[in-house]
């Protein structure tokens, strides 16, 4: 909205105060460049280019490097899967990493990917404070993970004990793609 207002102002000044119109156009150019960068970053956050270009493990590893604590990503040459499956696992793993950062007071996390015959599995294990899954109902993050997995026929399992970390696991029935 602010860009549109500045554009109209600059247009109204053309021919009357060209120096001021030029200064406003220079500001608009910088603001537009920043807005486009922000949109690209947002789009990558919504569906990262690495997930499209390379593979699931590479996309998760890229996010793991941004974590505030050490994250080890373990994969045994996980293959390619349909885009909706890879996106589901990617965003579920990121939610579990986010939860570890926000709530777990974790010092390290291990993310495992495994493509056993007929299913793709992921596991995010933190060494944090843990919680009682029965008493902690109602959180939107883990419910979102469960909903994402269920939407493509998958399942979630959460193992946690107060004082002993948390493991979020997901299983999706699927066949690898070339």
Protein backbone atom coordinates (compact mmCIF):
# COMPACT_ATOMS: atom_id res chain seq x y z
CA UNK A 1 0.00 0.00 0.00
CA UNK A 2 2.78 2.42 0.92
CA UNK A 3 4.49 1.73 -2.41
CA UNK A 4 1.33 2.64 -4.33
CA UNK A 5 0.94 5.88 -2.37
CA UNK A 6 4.57 6.82 -3.08
CA UNK A 7 4.12 5.99 -6.77
CA UNK A 8 1.11 8.33 -7.00
CA UNK A 9 3.03 11.05 -5.16
CA UNK A 10 6.01 10.71 -7.51
CA UNK A 11 3.71 10.79 -10.54
CA UNK A 12 2.03 13.97 -9.27
CA UNK A 13 5.42 15.66 -8.88
CA UNK A 14 6.73 14.89 -12.37
CA UNK A 15 7.09 18.18 -14.25
CA UNK A 16 6.45 20.24 -11.08
CA UNK A 17 9.31 19.10 -8.79
CA UNK A 18 11.46 16.67 -10.76
CA UNK A 19 14.20 16.53 -8.11
CA UNK A 20 11.74 15.42 -5.42
CA UNK A 21 10.01 13.01 -7.84
CA UNK A 22 13.42 11.50 -8.65
CA UNK A 23 14.26 11.07 -4.96
CA UNK A 24 10.94 9.33 -4.33
CA UNK A 25 11.49 7.05 -7.36
CA UNK A 26 14.94 6.13 -5.98
CA UNK A 27 13.31 5.22 -2.63
CA UNK A 28 10.66 3.20 -4.46
CA UNK A 29 13.31 1.26 -6.35
CA UNK A 30 15.02 0.23 -3.10
CA UNK A 31 11.73 -0.61 -1.39
CA UNK A 32 10.56 -2.64 -4.38
CA UNK A 33 13.83 -4.59 -4.46
CA UNK A 34 13.49 -5.37 -0.74
CA UNK A 35 9.84 -6.38 -1.16
CA UNK A 36 10.74 -8.77 -3.99
CA UNK A 37 13.53 -10.29 -1.90
CA UNK A 38 11.09 -10.76 1.01
CA UNK A 39 8.58 -12.43 -1.31
CA UNK A 40 11.25 -14.78 -2.71
CA UNK A 41 12.33 -15.69 0.83
CA UNK A 42 8.72 -16.32 1.79
CA UNK A 43 8.14 -18.48 -1.28
CA UNK A 44 11.26 -20.49 -0.49
CA UNK A 45 9.96 -20.92 3.06
CA UNK A 46 6.64 -22.12 1.69
CA UNK A 47 8.21 -24.56 -0.75
CA UNK A 48 12.00 -24.47 -0.77
CA UNK A 49 13.87 -24.65 -4.05
CA UNK A 50 16.21 -27.30 -2.63
CA UNK A 51 13.25 -29.61 -2.18
CA UNK A 52 12.40 -29.24 -5.85
CA UNK A 53 15.94 -29.28 -7.24
CA UNK A 54 17.70 -31.80 -5.08
CA UNK A 55 16.06 -33.93 -2.44
CA UNK A 56 14.34 -34.05 0.90
CA UNK A 57 17.52 -34.61 2.91
CA UNK A 58 19.24 -31.58 1.33
CA UNK A 59 16.30 -29.32 2.14
CA UNK A 60 16.16 -30.49 5.77
CA UNK A 61 19.95 -30.20 6.12
CA UNK A 62 19.78 -26.59 4.89
CA UNK A 63 17.22 -25.74 7.58
CA UNK A 64 19.14 -27.69 10.23
CA UNK A 65 22.17 -25.45 9.67
CA UNK A 66 20.02 -22.47 10.73
CA UNK A 67 19.02 -23.99 14.09
CA UNK A 68 20.19 -22.46 17.36
CA UNK A 69 21.54 -25.85 18.46
CA UNK A 70 23.40 -28.67 16.71
CA UNK A 71 21.19 -30.79 14.44
CA UNK A 72 22.42 -34.02 12.90
CA UNK A 73 20.52 -35.25 9.85
CA UNK A 74 20.82 -38.98 9.25
CA UNK A 75 19.71 -40.42 5.95
CA UNK A 76 20.56 -43.64 4.24
CA UNK A 77 20.37 -42.43 0.66
CA UNK A 78 16.68 -41.57 0.87
CA UNK A 79 15.28 -41.48 -2.65
CA UNK A 80 12.85 -39.15 -4.35
CA UNK A 81 9.14 -39.23 -3.63
CA UNK A 82 6.10 -37.42 -4.99
CA UNK A 83 6.28 -33.67 -4.24
CA UNK A 84 3.35 -33.75 -1.81
CA UNK A 85 5.05 -36.49 0.22
CA UNK A 86 8.40 -34.70 0.35
CA UNK A 87 6.70 -31.42 1.28
CA UNK A 88 4.74 -33.11 4.05
CA UNK A 89 7.82 -34.69 5.60
CA UNK A 90 9.81 -31.47 5.20
CA UNK A 91 7.24 -29.28 6.94
CA UNK A 92 6.55 -31.86 9.65
CA UNK A 93 10.26 -32.14 10.44
CA UNK A 94 10.56 -28.35 10.51
CA UNK A 95 7.64 -28.09 12.93
CA UNK A 96 9.30 -30.64 15.23
CA UNK A 97 12.58 -28.67 15.02
CA UNK A 98 10.70 -25.47 15.77
CA UNK A 99 9.04 -27.07 18.80
CA UNK A 100 12.44 -28.25 20.06
CA UNK A 101 13.75 -24.69 19.75
CA UNK A 102 10.73 -23.02 21.38
CA UNK A 103 9.77 -25.41 24.15
CA UNK A 104 12.27 -28.20 24.70
CA UNK A 105 15.39 -26.36 25.87
CA UNK A 106 17.23 -28.89 23.71
CA UNK A 107 21.00 -28.93 23.28
CA UNK A 108 20.93 -31.12 20.18
CA UNK A 109 18.49 -32.81 17.81
CA UNK A 110 18.75 -35.78 15.48
CA UNK A 111 16.57 -35.94 12.36
CA UNK A 112 16.36 -39.36 10.73
CA UNK A 113 14.89 -40.16 7.32
CA UNK A 114 14.30 -43.73 6.21
CA UNK A 115 12.63 -45.07 3.10
CA UNK A 116 11.88 -48.66 4.00
CA UNK A 117 10.06 -50.59 1.29
CA UNK A 118 6.56 -49.17 0.98
CA UNK A 119 6.94 -46.27 3.40
CA UNK A 120 8.84 -43.10 4.08
CA UNK A 121 9.57 -42.47 7.76
CA UNK A 122 10.99 -39.52 9.61
CA UNK A 123 11.97 -39.07 13.22
CA UNK A 124 12.96 -35.90 15.06
CA UNK A 125 14.53 -36.64 18.43
CA UNK A 126 15.55 -33.92 20.88
CA UNK A 127 17.33 -34.14 24.23
CA UNK A 128 15.15 -31.45 25.80
CA UNK A 129 12.92 -31.27 28.83
CA UNK A 130 10.17 -33.43 27.33
CA UNK A 131 6.50 -33.22 28.23
CA UNK A 132 3.50 -35.36 29.04
CA UNK A 133 1.73 -35.90 25.69
CA UNK A 134 -1.53 -36.84 27.41
CA UNK A 135 -1.71 -33.57 29.37
CA UNK A 136 -0.40 -31.37 26.55
CA UNK A 137 -3.34 -31.72 24.18
CA UNK A 138 -4.49 -28.74 22.19
CA UNK A 139 -1.22 -27.45 20.72
CA UNK A 140 -1.57 -26.39 17.11
CA UNK A 141 1.96 -27.39 16.03
CA UNK A 142 1.79 -31.12 16.66
CA UNK A 143 -1.86 -31.20 15.62
CA UNK A 144 -0.79 -29.61 12.34
CA UNK A 145 1.83 -32.34 11.90
CA UNK A 146 -0.79 -35.01 12.57
CA UNK A 147 -3.22 -33.37 10.12
CA UNK A 148 -0.59 -33.05 7.37
CA UNK A 149 0.34 -36.70 7.72
CA UNK A 150 -3.27 -37.90 7.85
CA UNK A 151 -4.08 -35.94 4.69
CA UNK A 152 -1.78 -38.23 2.69
CA UNK A 153 -2.46 -41.44 4.60
CA UNK A 154 0.35 -41.12 7.12
CA UNK A 155 0.52 -41.48 10.87
CA UNK A 156 2.24 -39.63 13.70
CA UNK A 157 3.66 -41.03 16.90
CA UNK A 158 4.94 -38.87 19.74
CA UNK A 159 7.11 -40.25 22.50
CA UNK A 160 8.03 -37.95 25.33
CA UNK A 161 8.67 -38.11 29.02
CA UNK A 162 9.06 -35.10 31.26
CA UNK A 163 12.78 -34.56 31.71
CA UNK A 164 13.80 -36.99 28.97
CA UNK A 165 13.33 -35.37 25.56
CA UNK A 166 10.81 -35.85 22.79
CA UNK A 167 10.64 -37.94 19.63
CA UNK A 168 8.20 -37.06 16.87
CA UNK A 169 7.86 -39.81 14.26
CA UNK A 170 5.88 -39.97 11.07
CA UNK A 171 5.19 -42.79 8.61
CA UNK A 172 3.77 -42.37 5.12
CA UNK A 173 2.91 -45.30 2.85
CA UNK A 174 4.50 -44.57 -0.53
CA UNK A 175 6.60 -45.87 -3.36
CA UNK A 176 9.82 -44.11 -4.36
CA UNK A 177 9.96 -42.26 -7.66
CA UNK A 178 12.99 -42.11 -9.96
